[in-house]
Amino acid sequence: MSPTLKSLLVSLLIIATFTACGPDTLYDLSGDTFQLRNSDSTQVNFPGDFKGDISLVTFIYTNCPDVCPVITANMTNIQRALDDTSGVNFIEISFDPKRDSPSTLKEYRDLYELNEQFTMLTSHPNDSDVLLDKLDIVAEKAIIDSLGHDSTNYAMRHSNTLYLMDRDGYIRTEYPAHRVTPEHVKDDINYLRSE
């Protein structure tokens, strides 16, 4: 086989490999299972329990003094912007499971008057680390109490990303969660619906 033909075959193999991954896929969660708990303390398999629907997924913590409430408000605005919300899930996952128990998430959900399409999820402490790592989420304690003790009085430095997950568990795009416009996300959801 000539070197030119060999190079061509190798190039085609490389192109085929990358094409199979899909140019629109940022992260592949399709084969993963993360066992989380919702605000009713029911076990939820993420993303498996949401397959078949389009999902908007973000990460928050309920003690957040600034951006997390803005993210939640933006998720609500995105929901309102959709002409048809059927087949769309709105998922907020805590990256502070030490403080965000299911009952705490229920209080947060009630405080922000989130409807049944919103799913609030938490895990046992440290169980969500694999998911956070897979999605390149930063979440770390930023301020510990003034004596340096590891108490429950801390703030967190964290990513503020909103992910659009397709029906098969592939993250297709990501947005700055606190400032993406509802119309932009609506257009992307409608695009996924048309596939």
Foldseek 3Di string as FASTA:
>chain_A
DDPVVVVVVVVVVVVVVVVVVPPQFPFFCLPPWAWKAWLVRDTDTPPVVLAPAKEKEWEDAPVAPPQRVLLVVQLVVLCVPAPDCPRYAYEYEYPCQVPCPSNNVVVVCVVVVPDPSYIYIYHHPPSCVVVCVRVVKDWDWDDDPPVPDNDPPTHIDIQQKMFIAANSRTGRDIDRSNDDHSVVVNVVSVVSVVD
